[in-house]
PDB file of N, CA and C in Angstrom:
ATOM      1  N   UNK A   1      17.993 -27.068 -25.199  1.00  0.00           N
ATOM      2  CA  UNK A   1      17.955 -25.689 -25.722  1.00  0.00           C
ATOM      3  C   UNK A   1      16.304 -24.933 -25.937  1.00  0.00           C
ATOM      4  N   UNK A   2      15.456 -25.649 -25.350  1.00  0.00           N
ATOM      5  CA  UNK A   2      14.186 -25.532 -25.102  1.00  0.00           C
ATOM      6  C   UNK A   2      13.791 -24.216 -23.897  1.00  0.00           C
ATOM      7  N   UNK A   3      14.774 -24.279 -23.015  1.00  0.00           N
ATOM      8  CA  UNK A   3      14.646 -23.491 -21.951  1.00  0.00           C
ATOM      9  C   UNK A   3      15.303 -21.989 -22.558  1.00  0.00           C
ATOM     10  N   UNK A   4      16.376 -22.322 -22.905  1.00  0.00           N
ATOM     11  CA  UNK A   4      16.917 -20.691 -23.967  1.00  0.00           C
ATOM     12  C   UNK A   4      16.134 -20.052 -24.490  1.00  0.00           C
ATOM     13  N   UNK A   5      14.935 -20.832 -25.688  1.00  0.00           N
ATOM     14  CA  UNK A   5      14.357 -20.486 -26.227  1.00  0.00           C
ATOM     15  C   UNK A   5      12.968 -19.721 -25.344  1.00  0.00           C
ATOM     16  N   UNK A   6      12.476 -20.616 -24.226  1.00  0.00           N
ATOM     17  CA  UNK A   6      11.138 -19.998 -23.313  1.00  0.00           C
ATOM     18  C   UNK A   6      12.190 -18.786 -22.954  1.00  0.00           C
ATOM     19  N   UNK A   7      13.143 -18.834 -22.556  1.00  0.00           N
ATOM     20  CA  UNK A   7      14.109 -17.240 -21.442  1.00  0.00           C
ATOM     21  C   UNK A   7      13.799 -16.288 -22.242  1.00  0.00           C
ATOM     22  N   UNK A   8      14.248 -16.501 -23.924  1.00  0.00           N
ATOM     23  CA  UNK A   8      14.220 -15.325 -24.679  1.00  0.00           C
ATOM     24  C   UNK A   8      12.863 -15.139 -24.752  1.00  0.00           C
ATOM     25  N   UNK A   9      11.694 -15.976 -25.015  1.00  0.00           N
ATOM     26  CA  UNK A   9      10.274 -15.547 -25.149  1.00  0.00           C
ATOM     27  C   UNK A   9       9.868 -14.616 -23.999  1.00  0.00           C
ATOM     28  N   UNK A  10       9.834 -15.247 -22.616  1.00  0.00           N
ATOM     29  CA  UNK A  10       9.569 -14.511 -21.503  1.00  0.00           C
ATOM     30  C   UNK A  10      10.527 -13.116 -21.272  1.00  0.00           C
ATOM     31  N   UNK A  11      11.605 -13.143 -22.086  1.00  0.00           N
ATOM     32  CA  UNK A  11      12.314 -11.572 -22.018  1.00  0.00           C
ATOM     33  C   UNK A  11      11.681 -10.842 -23.042  1.00  0.00           C
ATOM     34  N   UNK A  12      11.460 -11.439 -23.631  1.00  0.00           N
ATOM     35  CA  UNK A  12      10.320 -10.300 -24.878  1.00  0.00           C
ATOM     36  C   UNK A  12       9.261  -9.972 -24.150  1.00  0.00           C
ATOM     37  N   UNK A  13       8.626 -10.810 -23.793  1.00  0.00           N
ATOM     38  CA  UNK A  13       7.390 -10.610 -22.690  1.00  0.00           C
ATOM     39  C   UNK A  13       6.921  -9.268 -21.955  1.00  0.00           C
ATOM     40  N   UNK A  14       8.162  -9.907 -21.119  1.00  0.00           N
ATOM     41  CA  UNK A  14       8.468  -8.554 -20.078  1.00  0.00           C
ATOM     42  C   UNK A  14       8.712  -7.402 -20.735  1.00  0.00           C
ATOM     43  N   UNK A  15       9.428  -7.767 -21.922  1.00  0.00           N
ATOM     44  CA  UNK A  15       9.894  -5.966 -22.575  1.00  0.00           C
ATOM     45  C   UNK A  15       8.713  -5.151 -23.243  1.00  0.00           C
ATOM     46  N   UNK A  16       7.984  -6.342 -23.680  1.00  0.00           N
ATOM     47  CA  UNK A  16       6.694  -5.586 -24.281  1.00  0.00           C
ATOM     48  C   UNK A  16       5.847  -4.983 -23.236  1.00  0.00           C
ATOM     49  N   UNK A  17       5.486  -5.575 -22.040  1.00  0.00           N
ATOM     50  CA  UNK A  17       4.969  -5.224 -21.037  1.00  0.00           C
ATOM     51  C   UNK A  17       5.482  -3.921 -20.448  1.00  0.00           C
ATOM     52  N   UNK A  18       6.691  -4.042 -20.146  1.00  0.00           N
ATOM     53  CA  UNK A  18       7.274  -2.271 -20.207  1.00  0.00           C
ATOM     54  C   UNK A  18       7.108  -1.134 -21.290  1.00  0.00           C
ATOM     55  N   UNK A  19       7.092  -1.357 -22.095  1.00  0.00           N
ATOM     56  CA  UNK A  19       6.661  -1.091 -23.257  1.00  0.00           C
ATOM     57  C   UNK A  19       5.123  -0.176 -23.407  1.00  0.00           C
ATOM     58  N   UNK A  20       4.242  -1.329 -22.855  1.00  0.00           N
ATOM     59  CA  UNK A  20       3.575  -1.048 -22.597  1.00  0.00           C
ATOM     60  C   UNK A  20       2.996   0.072 -21.680  1.00  0.00           C
ATOM     61  N   UNK A  21       3.375  -0.472 -20.172  1.00  0.00           N
ATOM     62  CA  UNK A  21       3.321   0.275 -19.008  1.00  0.00           C
ATOM     63  C   UNK A  21       4.011   2.158 -19.264  1.00  0.00           C
ATOM     64  N   UNK A  22       5.041   1.859 -19.972  1.00  0.00           N
ATOM     65  CA  UNK A  22       5.619   3.401 -20.492  1.00  0.00           C
ATOM     66  C   UNK A  22       4.206   4.198 -21.636  1.00  0.00           C
ATOM     67  N   UNK A  23       3.875   3.719 -22.332  1.00  0.00           N
ATOM     68  CA  UNK A  23       2.748   4.247 -23.023  1.00  0.00           C
ATOM     69  C   UNK A  23       1.792   4.767 -22.087  1.00  0.00           C
ATOM     70  N   UNK A  24       1.523   3.616 -21.152  1.00  0.00           N
ATOM     71  CA  UNK A  24       0.426   4.496 -20.089  1.00  0.00           C
ATOM     72  C   UNK A  24       0.741   5.553 -19.671  1.00  0.00           C
ATOM     73  N   UNK A  25       2.164   5.546 -18.885  1.00  0.00           N
ATOM     74  CA  UNK A  25       2.741   6.552 -18.253  1.00  0.00           C
ATOM     75  C   UNK A  25       2.445   7.588 -19.261  1.00  0.00           C
ATOM     76  N   UNK A  26       2.613   7.584 -20.438  1.00  0.00           N
ATOM     77  CA  UNK A  26       3.217   8.678 -21.360  1.00  0.00           C
ATOM     78  C   UNK A  26       1.479   9.495 -21.713  1.00  0.00           C
ATOM     79  N   UNK A  27       0.285   8.425 -21.453  1.00  0.00           N
ATOM     80  CA  UNK A  27      -0.881   8.954 -22.027  1.00  0.00           C
ATOM     81  C   UNK A  27      -1.529   9.688 -20.726  1.00  0.00           C
ATOM     82  N   UNK A  28      -1.188   8.936 -19.257  1.00  0.00           N
ATOM     83  CA  UNK A  28      -1.975   9.989 -18.579  1.00  0.00           C
ATOM     84  C   UNK A  28      -1.522  11.299 -17.581  1.00  0.00           C
ATOM     85  N   UNK A  29      -2.151  11.678 -17.265  1.00  0.00           N
ATOM     86  CA  UNK A  29      -2.281  13.315 -16.743  1.00  0.00           C
ATOM     87  C   UNK A  29      -1.708  13.289 -15.261  1.00  0.00           C
ATOM     88  N   UNK A  30      -2.374  12.386 -14.410  1.00  0.00           N
ATOM     89  CA  UNK A  30      -2.103  12.013 -13.087  1.00  0.00           C
ATOM     90  C   UNK A  30      -0.951  11.694 -12.583  1.00  0.00           C
ATOM     91  N   UNK A  31       0.299  12.357 -12.228  1.00  0.00           N
ATOM     92  CA  UNK A  31       1.368  12.574 -11.556  1.00  0.00           C
ATOM     93  C   UNK A  31       1.456  11.066 -10.539  1.00  0.00           C
ATOM     94  N   UNK A  32       0.387  10.654  -9.824  1.00  0.00           N
ATOM     95  CA  UNK A  32       0.646   8.979  -9.191  1.00  0.00           C
ATOM     96  C   UNK A  32       0.779   8.094  -9.884  1.00  0.00           C
ATOM     97  N   UNK A  33      -0.370   8.211 -10.817  1.00  0.00           N
ATOM     98  CA  UNK A  33       0.054   6.965 -11.760  1.00  0.00           C
ATOM     99  C   UNK A  33       0.845   7.016 -13.056  1.00  0.00           C
ATOM    100  N   UNK A  34       1.319   7.804 -13.054  1.00  0.00           N
ATOM    101  CA  UNK A  34       2.374   8.106 -14.195  1.00  0.00           C
ATOM    102  C   UNK A  34       3.389   7.236 -13.788  1.00  0.00           C
ATOM    103  N   UNK A  35       3.821   7.618 -11.885  1.00  0.00           N
ATOM    104  CA  UNK A  35       5.161   7.457 -11.824  1.00  0.00           C
ATOM    105  C   UNK A  35       4.697   5.725 -11.348  1.00  0.00           C
ATOM    106  N   UNK A  36       3.664   5.311 -10.710  1.00  0.00           N
ATOM    107  CA  UNK A  36       3.100   3.681 -10.592  1.00  0.00           C
ATOM    108  C   UNK A  36       3.449   2.792 -12.240  1.00  0.00           C
ATOM    109  N   UNK A  37       2.742   3.446 -13.008  1.00  0.00           N
ATOM    110  CA  UNK A  37       3.508   2.860 -15.018  1.00  0.00           C
ATOM    111  C   UNK A  37       4.821   2.843 -14.730  1.00  0.00           C
ATOM    112  N   UNK A  38       5.406   3.738 -13.885  1.00  0.00           N
ATOM    113  CA  UNK A  38       6.884   4.037 -15.057  1.00  0.00           C
ATOM    114  C   UNK A  38       7.789   2.880 -14.185  1.00  0.00           C
ATOM    115  N   UNK A  39       7.182   2.774 -12.411  1.00  0.00           N
ATOM    116  CA  UNK A  39       8.211   2.675 -11.470  1.00  0.00           C
ATOM    117  C   UNK A  39       7.745   0.657 -11.661  1.00  0.00           C
ATOM    118  N   UNK A  40       6.348   0.545 -12.801  1.00  0.00           N
ATOM    119  CA  UNK A  40       6.312  -1.070 -12.819  1.00  0.00           C
ATOM    120  C   UNK A  40       7.056  -1.145 -14.144  1.00  0.00           C
ATOM    121  N   UNK A  41       6.832  -0.377 -15.045  1.00  0.00           N
ATOM    122  CA  UNK A  41       7.979  -0.577 -16.214  1.00  0.00           C
ATOM    123  C   UNK A  41       9.515  -0.650 -16.155  1.00  0.00           C
ATOM    124  N   UNK A  42       9.676   0.084 -14.942  1.00  0.00           N
ATOM    125  CA  UNK A  42      11.317  -0.558 -14.375  1.00  0.00           C
ATOM    126  C   UNK A  42      11.023  -1.631 -14.050  1.00  0.00           C
ATOM    127  N   UNK A  43      10.279  -2.272 -13.313  1.00  0.00           N
ATOM    128  CA  UNK A  43      10.439  -3.301 -12.736  1.00  0.00           C
ATOM    129  C   UNK A  43      10.466  -4.520 -13.698  1.00  0.00           C
ATOM    130  N   UNK A  44       9.305  -4.398 -14.484  1.00  0.00           N
ATOM    131  CA  UNK A  44       9.283  -5.753 -15.377  1.00  0.00           C
ATOM    132  C   UNK A  44      10.621  -5.671 -16.599  1.00  0.00           C
ATOM    133  N   UNK A  45      11.024  -4.660 -16.807  1.00  0.00           N
ATOM    134  CA  UNK A  45      12.229  -4.643 -17.882  1.00  0.00           C
ATOM    135  C   UNK A  45      13.524  -4.963 -17.193  1.00  0.00           C
ATOM    136  N   UNK A  46      13.969  -4.657 -15.821  1.00  0.00           N
ATOM    137  CA  UNK A  46      14.957  -5.462 -14.854  1.00  0.00           C
ATOM    138  C   UNK A  46      15.772  -4.115 -14.467  1.00  0.00           C
ATOM    139  N   UNK A  47      15.195  -2.981 -15.009  1.00  0.00           N
ATOM    140  CA  UNK A  47      15.865  -1.449 -14.773  1.00  0.00           C
ATOM    141  C   UNK A  47      15.873  -1.153 -13.444  1.00  0.00           C
ATOM    142  N   UNK A  48      15.121  -2.025 -12.287  1.00  0.00           N
ATOM    143  CA  UNK A  48      14.930  -1.736 -11.161  1.00  0.00           C
ATOM    144  C   UNK A  48      16.380  -1.254 -10.421  1.00  0.00           C
ATOM    145  N   UNK A  49      16.888  -2.174 -10.462  1.00  0.00           N
ATOM    146  CA  UNK A  49      18.494  -2.682 -10.250  1.00  0.00           C
ATOM    147  C   UNK A  49      19.553  -1.648 -10.919  1.00  0.00           C
ATOM    148  N   UNK A  50      19.313  -0.769 -11.761  1.00  0.00           N
ATOM    149  CA  UNK A  50      20.165  -0.284 -12.312  1.00  0.00           C
ATOM    150  C   UNK A  50      20.186   1.140 -11.704  1.00  0.00           C
ATOM    151  N   UNK A  51      21.257   2.077 -11.937  1.00  0.00           N
ATOM    152  CA  UNK A  51      21.503   3.426 -11.574  1.00  0.00           C
ATOM    153  C   UNK A  51      20.397   4.591 -12.555  1.00  0.00           C
ATOM    154  N   UNK A  52      19.766   5.510 -11.370  1.00  0.00           N
ATOM    155  CA  UNK A  52      18.794   6.311 -11.645  1.00  0.00           C
ATOM    156  C   UNK A  52      19.402   6.685 -13.163  1.00  0.00           C
ATOM    157  N   UNK A  53      18.260   7.283 -13.672  1.00  0.00           N
ATOM    158  CA  UNK A  53      19.128   8.081 -15.634  1.00  0.00           C
ATOM    159  C   UNK A  53      17.788   9.192 -15.210  1.00  0.00           C
ATOM    160  N   UNK A  54      18.269  10.030 -15.919  1.00  0.00           N
ATOM    161  CA  UNK A  54      17.382  11.582 -15.755  1.00  0.00           C
ATOM    162  C   UNK A  54      16.693  11.234 -16.860  1.00  0.00           C
ATOM    163  N   UNK A  55      14.810  11.610 -16.698  1.00  0.00           N
ATOM    164  CA  UNK A  55      13.939  11.366 -17.664  1.00  0.00           C
ATOM    165  C   UNK A  55      13.915  11.902 -18.553  1.00  0.00           C
ATOM    166  N   UNK A  56      15.076  13.222 -18.558  1.00  0.00           N
ATOM    167  CA  UNK A  56      14.921  14.325 -20.031  1.00  0.00           C
ATOM    168  C   UNK A  56      15.498  13.902 -20.631  1.00  0.00           C
ATOM    169  N   UNK A  57      16.428  12.827 -20.474  1.00  0.00           N
ATOM    170  CA  UNK A  57      17.531  12.493 -21.538  1.00  0.00           C
ATOM    171  C   UNK A  57      16.657  11.388 -22.780  1.00  0.00           C
ATOM    172  N   UNK A  58      16.810  11.304 -23.824  1.00  0.00           N
ATOM    173  CA  UNK A  58      16.137  10.346 -24.788  1.00  0.00           C
ATOM    174  C   UNK A  58      16.421   8.336 -24.126  1.00  0.00           C
ATOM    175  N   UNK A  59      15.693   7.792 -24.424  1.00  0.00           N
ATOM    176  CA  UNK A  59      16.269   6.654 -24.020  1.00  0.00           C
ATOM    177  C   UNK A  59      16.275   5.638 -25.052  1.00  0.00           C
ATOM    178  N   UNK A  60      17.283   4.441 -24.877  1.00  0.00           N
ATOM    179  CA  UNK A  60      16.935   3.790 -26.478  1.00  0.00           C
ATOM    180  C   UNK A  60      15.921   2.851 -26.394  1.00  0.00           C
ATOM    181  N   UNK A  61      14.782   3.087 -25.883  1.00  0.00           N
ATOM    182  CA  UNK A  61      13.537   2.330 -25.384  1.00  0.00           C
ATOM    183  C   UNK A  61      12.499   3.547 -25.890  1.00  0.00           C
ATOM    184  N   UNK A  62      12.512   4.432 -26.594  1.00  0.00           N
ATOM    185  CA  UNK A  62      11.443   5.465 -26.644  1.00  0.00           C
ATOM    186  C   UNK A  62      10.642   5.150 -27.503  1.00  0.00           C
ATOM    187  N   UNK A  63       9.222   5.697 -27.111  1.00  0.00           N
ATOM    188  CA  UNK A  63       8.070   5.009 -27.480  1.00  0.00           C
ATOM    189  C   UNK A  63       7.693   6.502 -28.243  1.00  0.00           C
ATOM    190  N   UNK A  64       7.101   5.822 -29.749  1.00  0.00           N
ATOM    191  CA  UNK A  64       6.801   7.069 -30.287  1.00  0.00           C
ATOM    192  C   UNK A  64       5.245   7.137 -30.168  1.00  0.00           C
ATOM    193  N   UNK A  65       4.673   7.898 -31.076  1.00  0.00           N
ATOM    194  CA  UNK A  65       3.018   8.138 -30.784  1.00  0.00           C
ATOM    195  C   UNK A  65       1.936   6.867 -31.126  1.00  0.00           C
ATOM    196  N   UNK A  66       2.769   5.872 -32.100  1.00  0.00           N
ATOM    197  CA  UNK A  66       2.388   4.506 -32.245  1.00  0.00           C
ATOM    198  C   UNK A  66       2.018   3.765 -30.915  1.00  0.00           C
ATOM    199  N   UNK A  67       2.960   3.939 -29.992  1.00  0.00           N
ATOM    200  CA  UNK A  67       2.906   3.158 -29.208  1.00  0.00           C
ATOM    201  C   UNK A  67       4.038   2.048 -29.012  1.00  0.00           C
ATOM    202  N   UNK A  68       4.339   1.791 -30.243  1.00  0.00           N
ATOM    203  CA  UNK A  68       5.434   0.853 -30.418  1.00  0.00           C
ATOM    204  C   UNK A  68       6.956   1.552 -30.728  1.00  0.00           C
ATOM    205  N   UNK A  69       7.373   0.452 -29.757  1.00  0.00           N
ATOM    206  CA  UNK A  69       9.046   0.598 -29.108  1.00  0.00           C
ATOM    207  C   UNK A  69      10.053   1.017 -30.750  1.00  0.00           C
ATOM    208  N   UNK A  70      10.474   1.720 -30.934  1.00  0.00           N
ATOM    209  CA  UNK A  70      11.390   2.297 -32.114  1.00  0.00           C
ATOM    210  C   UNK A  70      12.532   1.126 -32.143  1.00  0.00           C
ATOM    211  N   UNK A  71      12.958   0.662 -31.441  1.00  0.00           N
ATOM    212  CA  UNK A  71      13.928  -0.829 -31.147  1.00  0.00           C
ATOM    213  C   UNK A  71      13.406  -2.033 -31.586  1.00  0.00           C
ATOM    214  N   UNK A  72      11.973  -1.796 -30.990  1.00  0.00           N
ATOM    215  CA  UNK A  72      11.447  -3.389 -32.099  1.00  0.00           C
ATOM    216  C   UNK A  72      10.960  -2.988 -33.168  1.00  0.00           C
ATOM    217  N   UNK A  73      10.542  -2.087 -33.664  1.00  0.00           N
ATOM    218  CA  UNK A  73       9.703  -2.059 -35.050  1.00  0.00           C
ATOM    219  C   UNK A  73       8.178  -2.505 -35.060  1.00  0.00           C
ATOM    220  N   UNK A  74       7.991  -2.725 -36.237  1.00  0.00           N
ATOM    221  CA  UNK A  74       6.493  -3.003 -36.091  1.00  0.00           C
ATOM    222  C   UNK A  74       6.440  -4.775 -35.688  1.00  0.00           C
TER     223      UNK A  74
END
């Protein structure tokens, strides 16, 4: 069972990193840098292999102004 514990912790760390990268993308005004942050976030969250989504839609990991993922809470 220790492996599954470590796997869950690793997955949570990757999702937190992806959330931080999305927040950086939200805060930057440079289009190239914004795309870079979003590309890294997709890679770390495992979304890179999923079909592309329209960025204008609200996602289930939307970040509020505090930088905290709404689905993760505090």
